[in-house]
Protein backbone atom coordinates (compact mmCIF):
# COMPACT_ATOMS: atom_id res chain seq x y z
CA MET A 1 125.94 125.03 86.06
CA GLY A 2 128.87 122.73 85.36
CA PRO A 3 131.30 123.16 82.47
CA GLU A 4 129.71 120.30 80.53
CA LEU A 5 126.29 121.97 80.55
CA ALA A 6 127.83 125.29 79.51
CA ASP A 7 129.56 123.54 76.59
CA VAL A 8 126.28 121.98 75.49
CA GLN A 9 124.48 125.33 75.69
CA ASP A 10 127.26 127.00 73.69
CA ALA A 11 127.14 124.22 71.09
CA ASN A 12 123.39 124.75 70.72
CA ASP A 13 123.56 128.56 70.51
CA LEU A 14 121.51 129.43 67.42
CA ASN A 15 123.75 132.46 66.82
CA VAL A 16 126.63 130.04 66.34
CA LEU A 17 124.87 127.27 64.44
CA LEU A 18 124.00 127.66 60.80
CA ALA A 19 122.58 125.00 58.53
CA VAL A 20 124.65 124.63 55.35
CA ASP A 21 125.13 121.97 52.74
CA LYS A 22 127.71 119.24 53.26
CA GLN A 23 130.28 120.63 50.82
CA THR A 24 130.20 124.13 52.33
CA ASN A 25 130.56 122.68 55.82
CA GLN A 26 133.56 120.60 54.73
CA ASP A 27 135.14 123.53 52.90
CA LYS A 28 134.84 125.84 55.91
CA GLY A 29 135.78 123.35 58.61
CA SER A 30 137.33 125.36 61.43
CA ARG A 31 138.83 128.02 59.16
CA THR A 32 138.70 131.60 60.33
CA ALA A 33 137.29 134.52 58.33
CA ASP A 34 140.66 135.30 56.76
CA LYS A 35 140.97 131.75 55.43
CA TRP A 36 137.39 131.15 54.25
CA LYS A 37 134.46 133.21 52.97
CA PRO A 38 131.00 131.97 52.03
CA PRO A 39 130.94 131.01 48.36
CA ARG A 40 127.95 133.30 47.74
CA ARG A 41 129.18 136.88 47.96
CA ALA A 42 125.59 137.93 48.71
CA TYR A 43 125.95 136.22 52.10
CA TRP A 44 129.24 137.87 53.14
CA CYS A 45 127.53 140.67 55.08
CA GLU A 46 125.34 138.33 57.13
CA TYR A 47 128.23 135.93 57.74
CA ALA A 48 130.54 138.71 58.95
CA ARG A 49 127.84 140.15 61.21
CA ARG A 50 127.21 136.75 62.78
CA TYR A 51 130.95 136.04 63.07
CA THR A 52 131.71 139.32 64.83
CA GLY A 53 128.65 138.92 67.06
CA VAL A 54 129.82 135.51 68.23
CA LYS A 55 133.36 136.79 68.81
CA ALA A 56 131.97 139.67 70.89
CA ALA A 57 129.47 137.53 72.83
CA TYR A 58 132.15 135.06 73.88
CA GLY A 59 134.94 137.60 74.38
CA LEU A 60 137.08 136.07 71.65
CA SER A 61 139.94 137.94 70.02
CA VAL A 62 140.23 138.78 66.34
CA THR A 63 143.58 138.54 64.55
CA PRO A 64 144.68 141.33 62.19
CA PRO A 65 144.09 139.13 59.10
CA GLU A 66 140.60 138.22 60.39
CA LYS A 67 139.85 141.90 60.99
CA THR A 68 140.83 142.76 57.41
CA ALA A 69 138.72 139.94 55.97
CA LEU A 70 135.75 140.86 58.14
CA ALA A 71 136.02 144.52 57.16
CA ASP A 72 135.97 143.47 53.49
CA MET A 73 132.89 141.31 54.05
CA LEU A 74 131.13 143.96 56.14
CA GLY A 75 131.82 146.38 53.30
CA THR A 76 129.29 144.42 51.24
CA CYS A 77 126.47 145.26 53.68
CA PRO A 78 123.77 147.55 52.37
CA PRO A 79 123.89 151.11 53.71
CA GLY A 80 121.83 151.87 56.75
């Protein structure tokens, strides 16, 4: 598989893609977890779980500010 096909598969990874409204998409842009959080606090847990899952799946690093922000968001997850 060539690099172009791998890029297309990554771009179509449903764990990475998430349908959102236009304004939310523009607000987030390419900002990391320490620079943007979903406007609905009720979604912070799911967002942080998806974010960390993608980082792990692709072997991407997490900066200390990202780690702090993600820990805060994961702290909103229900127990269990």
